[in-house]
Amino acid sequence: MKKALSYIIPIAICFTLGFIASRLQTDALHEWYPYLNKPAFTPPDWLFPVAWSIIYLLSGISAGLIWNSTHGLRNSLLTLWGVQQLLNFIWSILFFTMRNPTLGFVNIVALDILVLWYIVRTWPVCRAASVMFWPYLVWIAFATYLNGYIMVMN
């Protein structure tokens, strides 16, 4: 049971933060975001919850793998995982709730760096944990572009 909890807890953290963020951005998604100038290849609305669900699951499993590691970097990697989760949550507040693409952009660039740093730091500890963050990095790199475009064009 203890090993199962090491996966269940981080997965639950990801989905809980994602759920709270989605509740906090509801008004902006209806009243603000649809009216912004966005690139022509902005993903359709239905894709965001699908992509984030996959990312949250992989992120939680990645943390579980590190949690079960006996490597000396275990605690620092779990801290890094937690900090990037917090930055991910804060981005939703900055971009959607506060409707501030500039602050969102600063935040998401920091998030890009932390996610990349997590990937690099986990590689020698647990390659599977590192690989599980690759889709996350690709998705937020694209989100960084979208955020930057919105920041400049609106």
C-alpha atoms as a PDB file:
ATOM      1  CA  MET A   1       0.000   0.000   0.000  1.00  0.00           C
ATOM      2  CA  LYS A   2       2.843   2.381   0.846  1.00  0.00           C
ATOM      3  CA  LYS A   3       4.310   2.012  -2.656  1.00  0.00           C
ATOM      4  CA  ALA A   4       0.898   2.613  -4.253  1.00  0.00           C
ATOM      5  CA  LEU A   5       0.514   5.800  -2.208  1.00  0.00           C
ATOM      6  CA  SER A   6       3.840   7.067  -3.550  1.00  0.00           C
ATOM      7  CA  TYR A   7       2.158   7.202  -6.965  1.00  0.00           C
ATOM      8  CA  ILE A   8      -1.395   8.042  -5.910  1.00  0.00           C
ATOM      9  CA  ILE A   9      -0.411  11.106  -3.865  1.00  0.00           C
ATOM     10  CA  PRO A  10       1.528  12.971  -6.600  1.00  0.00           C
ATOM     11  CA  ILE A  11      -1.073  12.056  -9.228  1.00  0.00           C
ATOM     12  CA  ALA A  12      -3.790  13.364  -6.902  1.00  0.00           C
ATOM     13  CA  ILE A  13      -1.793  16.563  -6.321  1.00  0.00           C
ATOM     14  CA  CYS A  14      -1.524  17.145 -10.078  1.00  0.00           C
ATOM     15  CA  PHE A  15      -5.207  16.567 -10.757  1.00  0.00           C
ATOM     16  CA  THR A  16      -6.313  18.561  -7.692  1.00  0.00           C
ATOM     17  CA  LEU A  17      -4.216  21.571  -8.688  1.00  0.00           C
ATOM     18  CA  GLY A  18      -5.474  21.239 -12.256  1.00  0.00           C
ATOM     19  CA  PHE A  19      -9.082  21.093 -11.071  1.00  0.00           C
ATOM     20  CA  ILE A  20      -8.679  24.152  -8.831  1.00  0.00           C
ATOM     21  CA  ALA A  21      -6.966  26.062 -11.646  1.00  0.00           C
ATOM     22  CA  SER A  22      -9.779  25.160 -14.043  1.00  0.00           C
ATOM     23  CA  ARG A  23     -12.351  26.525 -11.578  1.00  0.00           C
ATOM     24  CA  LEU A  24     -10.371  29.749 -11.150  1.00  0.00           C
ATOM     25  CA  GLN A  25     -10.145  30.362 -14.894  1.00  0.00           C
ATOM     26  CA  THR A  26     -13.756  29.615 -15.842  1.00  0.00           C
ATOM     27  CA  ASP A  27     -14.846  33.263 -16.137  1.00  0.00           C
ATOM     28  CA  ALA A  28     -11.810  34.217 -18.213  1.00  0.00           C
ATOM     29  CA  LEU A  29     -12.370  31.281 -20.541  1.00  0.00           C
ATOM     30  CA  HIS A  30     -15.825  32.628 -21.362  1.00  0.00           C
ATOM     31  CA  GLU A  31     -15.416  36.397 -21.055  1.00  0.00           C
ATOM     32  CA  TRP A  32     -11.834  37.133 -22.076  1.00  0.00           C
ATOM     33  CA  TYR A  33      -9.857  34.347 -23.762  1.00  0.00           C
ATOM     34  CA  PRO A  34     -12.208  33.795 -26.742  1.00  0.00           C
ATOM     35  CA  TYR A  35     -11.798  37.442 -27.775  1.00  0.00           C
ATOM     36  CA  LEU A  36      -7.987  37.513 -27.776  1.00  0.00           C
ATOM     37  CA  ASN A  37      -5.929  37.503 -30.949  1.00  0.00           C
ATOM     38  CA  LYS A  38      -4.405  34.020 -31.078  1.00  0.00           C
ATOM     39  CA  PRO A  39      -2.300  32.201 -33.677  1.00  0.00           C
ATOM     40  CA  ALA A  40      -4.261  30.353 -36.353  1.00  0.00           C
ATOM     41  CA  PHE A  41      -2.980  26.978 -35.123  1.00  0.00           C
ATOM     42  CA  THR A  42      -4.162  27.420 -31.517  1.00  0.00           C
ATOM     43  CA  PRO A  43      -5.412  23.990 -30.425  1.00  0.00           C
ATOM     44  CA  PRO A  44      -9.170  23.479 -30.134  1.00  0.00           C
ATOM     45  CA  ASP A  45     -10.632  23.902 -26.643  1.00  0.00           C
ATOM     46  CA  TRP A  46     -11.331  20.175 -26.189  1.00  0.00           C
ATOM     47  CA  LEU A  47      -7.634  19.319 -26.564  1.00  0.00           C
ATOM     48  CA  PHE A  48      -6.486  21.194 -23.456  1.00  0.00           C
ATOM     49  CA  PRO A  49      -8.135  18.949 -20.819  1.00  0.00           C
ATOM     50  CA  VAL A  50      -7.075  15.829 -22.740  1.00  0.00           C
ATOM     51  CA  ALA A  51      -3.449  16.981 -22.967  1.00  0.00           C
ATOM     52  CA  TRP A  52      -3.339  18.098 -19.343  1.00  0.00           C
ATOM     53  CA  SER A  53      -4.854  14.847 -18.107  1.00  0.00           C
ATOM     54  CA  ILE A  54      -2.100  12.886 -19.823  1.00  0.00           C
ATOM     55  CA  ILE A  55       0.559  15.289 -18.559  1.00  0.00           C
ATOM     56  CA  TYR A  56      -0.767  15.173 -14.977  1.00  0.00           C
ATOM     57  CA  LEU A  57      -0.793  11.382 -15.002  1.00  0.00           C
ATOM     58  CA  LEU A  58       2.752  11.152 -16.383  1.00  0.00           C
ATOM     59  CA  SER A  59       3.979  13.848 -13.999  1.00  0.00           C
ATOM     60  CA  GLY A  60       2.522  12.037 -10.998  1.00  0.00           C
ATOM     61  CA  ILE A  61       4.020   8.718 -12.078  1.00  0.00           C
ATOM     62  CA  SER A  62       7.372  10.437 -12.589  1.00  0.00           C
ATOM     63  CA  ALA A  63       7.255  11.786  -9.044  1.00  0.00           C
ATOM     64  CA  GLY A  64       6.267   8.338  -7.769  1.00  0.00           C
ATOM     65  CA  LEU A  65       9.293   6.792  -9.455  1.00  0.00           C
ATOM     66  CA  ILE A  66      11.551   9.354  -7.817  1.00  0.00           C
ATOM     67  CA  TRP A  67       9.787   8.931  -4.459  1.00  0.00           C
ATOM     68  CA  ASN A  68      10.599   5.205  -4.588  1.00  0.00           C
ATOM     69  CA  SER A  69      14.216   5.870  -5.503  1.00  0.00           C
ATOM     70  CA  THR A  70      16.982   5.504  -2.948  1.00  0.00           C
ATOM     71  CA  HIS A  71      19.207   7.941  -4.828  1.00  0.00           C
ATOM     72  CA  GLY A  72      20.792  10.786  -2.874  1.00  0.00           C
ATOM     73  CA  LEU A  73      19.046  13.360  -5.102  1.00  0.00           C
ATOM     74  CA  ARG A  74      15.592  11.987  -4.255  1.00  0.00           C
ATOM     75  CA  ASN A  75      14.533  14.799  -1.901  1.00  0.00           C
ATOM     76  CA  SER A  76      15.892  17.622  -4.042  1.00  0.00           C
ATOM     77  CA  LEU A  77      14.171  16.164  -7.113  1.00  0.00           C
ATOM     78  CA  LEU A  78      10.855  15.885  -5.285  1.00  0.00           C
ATOM     79  CA  THR A  79      11.263  19.497  -4.174  1.00  0.00           C
ATOM     80  CA  LEU A  80      11.961  20.535  -7.759  1.00  0.00           C
ATOM     81  CA  TRP A  81       8.881  18.563  -8.859  1.00  0.00           C
ATOM     82  CA  GLY A  82       6.767  20.394  -6.275  1.00  0.00           C
ATOM     83  CA  VAL A  83       8.080  23.831  -7.229  1.00  0.00           C
ATOM     84  CA  GLN A  84       7.339  23.282 -10.912  1.00  0.00           C
ATOM     85  CA  GLN A  85       3.824  22.070  -9.990  1.00  0.00           C
ATOM     86  CA  LEU A  86       3.329  25.284  -8.033  1.00  0.00           C
ATOM     87  CA  LEU A  87       4.561  27.417 -10.957  1.00  0.00           C
ATOM     88  CA  ASN A  88       2.220  25.552 -13.284  1.00  0.00           C
ATOM     89  CA  PHE A  89      -0.706  26.365 -10.973  1.00  0.00           C
ATOM     90  CA  ILE A  90       0.352  30.007 -10.573  1.00  0.00           C
ATOM     91  CA  TRP A  91       0.491  30.419 -14.364  1.00  0.00           C
ATOM     92  CA  SER A  92      -3.259  29.797 -14.580  1.00  0.00           C
ATOM     93  CA  ILE A  93      -3.878  32.463 -11.962  1.00  0.00           C
ATOM     94  CA  LEU A  94      -1.592  35.001 -13.644  1.00  0.00           C
ATOM     95  CA  PHE A  95      -2.724  34.382 -17.207  1.00  0.00           C
ATOM     96  CA  PHE A  96      -6.421  33.624 -16.784  1.00  0.00           C
ATOM     97  CA  THR A  97      -7.627  34.837 -13.377  1.00  0.00           C
ATOM     98  CA  MET A  98      -5.577  38.036 -13.430  1.00  0.00           C
ATOM     99  CA  ARG A  99      -5.811  38.198 -17.243  1.00  0.00           C
ATOM    100  CA  ASN A 100      -2.178  39.214 -17.421  1.00  0.00           C
ATOM    101  CA  PRO A 101      -0.299  37.563 -20.307  1.00  0.00           C
ATOM    102  CA  THR A 102       2.913  39.417 -19.430  1.00  0.00           C
ATOM    103  CA  LEU A 103       3.133  38.003 -15.905  1.00  0.00           C
ATOM    104  CA  GLY A 104       1.994  34.666 -17.309  1.00  0.00           C
ATOM    105  CA  PHE A 105       4.841  34.768 -19.823  1.00  0.00           C
ATOM    106  CA  VAL A 106       7.461  35.456 -17.155  1.00  0.00           C
ATOM    107  CA  ASN A 107       6.050  32.591 -15.107  1.00  0.00           C
ATOM    108  CA  ILE A 108       5.868  30.099 -17.974  1.00  0.00           C
ATOM    109  CA  VAL A 109       9.449  30.808 -19.056  1.00  0.00           C
ATOM    110  CA  ALA A 110      10.528  30.005 -15.484  1.00  0.00           C
ATOM    111  CA  LEU A 111       8.360  26.873 -15.669  1.00  0.00           C
ATOM    112  CA  ASP A 112      10.026  25.844 -18.943  1.00  0.00           C
ATOM    113  CA  ILE A 113      13.407  26.124 -17.252  1.00  0.00           C
ATOM    114  CA  LEU A 114      12.338  24.132 -14.183  1.00  0.00           C
ATOM    115  CA  VAL A 115      10.739  21.370 -16.238  1.00  0.00           C
ATOM    116  CA  LEU A 116      13.868  21.095 -18.385  1.00  0.00           C
ATOM    117  CA  TRP A 117      16.001  21.105 -15.236  1.00  0.00           C
ATOM    118  CA  TYR A 118      13.848  18.322 -13.747  1.00  0.00           C
ATOM    119  CA  ILE A 119      14.304  16.273 -16.946  1.00  0.00           C
ATOM    120  CA  VAL A 120      18.078  16.741 -16.867  1.00  0.00           C
ATOM    121  CA  ARG A 121      18.422  16.066 -13.133  1.00  0.00           C
ATOM    122  CA  THR A 122      16.205  12.966 -13.125  1.00  0.00           C
ATOM    123  CA  TRP A 123      17.901  11.353 -16.158  1.00  0.00           C
ATOM    124  CA  PRO A 124      20.795   9.812 -14.184  1.00  0.00           C
ATOM    125  CA  VAL A 125      18.477   8.851 -11.306  1.00  0.00           C
ATOM    126  CA  CYS A 126      15.570   7.308 -13.236  1.00  0.00           C
ATOM    127  CA  ARG A 127      15.366   7.597 -16.995  1.00  0.00           C
ATOM    128  CA  ALA A 128      11.681   6.639 -17.060  1.00  0.00           C
ATOM    129  CA  ALA A 129      10.879   9.520 -14.685  1.00  0.00           C
ATOM    130  CA  SER A 130      12.784  11.877 -16.977  1.00  0.00           C
ATOM    131  CA  VAL A 131      11.134  10.618 -20.171  1.00  0.00           C
ATOM    132  CA  MET A 132       7.676  11.039 -18.635  1.00  0.00           C
ATOM    133  CA  PHE A 133       8.310  14.785 -18.501  1.00  0.00           C
ATOM    134  CA  TRP A 134       9.161  15.118 -22.205  1.00  0.00           C
ATOM    135  CA  PRO A 135       5.518  15.546 -23.343  1.00  0.00           C
ATOM    136  CA  TYR A 136       5.080  18.150 -20.595  1.00  0.00           C
ATOM    137  CA  LEU A 137       8.095  20.104 -21.857  1.00  0.00           C
ATOM    138  CA  VAL A 138       6.821  20.011 -25.447  1.00  0.00           C
ATOM    139  CA  TRP A 139       3.328  21.112 -24.367  1.00  0.00           C
ATOM    140  CA  ILE A 140       4.494  24.017 -22.213  1.00  0.00           C
ATOM    141  CA  ALA A 141       7.035  25.105 -24.833  1.00  0.00           C
ATOM    142  CA  PHE A 142       4.099  25.403 -27.228  1.00  0.00           C
ATOM    143  CA  ALA A 143       2.071  27.119 -24.472  1.00  0.00           C
ATOM    144  CA  THR A 144       4.965  29.559 -24.023  1.00  0.00           C
ATOM    145  CA  TYR A 145       4.733  30.433 -27.702  1.00  0.00           C
ATOM    146  CA  LEU A 146       0.938  30.891 -27.425  1.00  0.00           C
ATOM    147  CA  ASN A 147       1.326  33.024 -24.297  1.00  0.00           C
ATOM    148  CA  GLY A 148       3.999  35.147 -25.988  1.00  0.00           C
ATOM    149  CA  TYR A 149       1.882  35.597 -29.092  1.00  0.00           C
ATOM    150  CA  ILE A 150      -1.108  36.643 -27.011  1.00  0.00           C
ATOM    151  CA  MET A 151       1.067  38.994 -24.971  1.00  0.00           C
ATOM    152  CA  VAL A 152       2.399  40.753 -28.094  1.00  0.00           C
ATOM    153  CA  MET A 153      -0.759  40.759 -30.214  1.00  0.00           C
ATOM    154  CA  ASN A 154      -3.262  41.946 -27.606  1.00  0.00           C
END
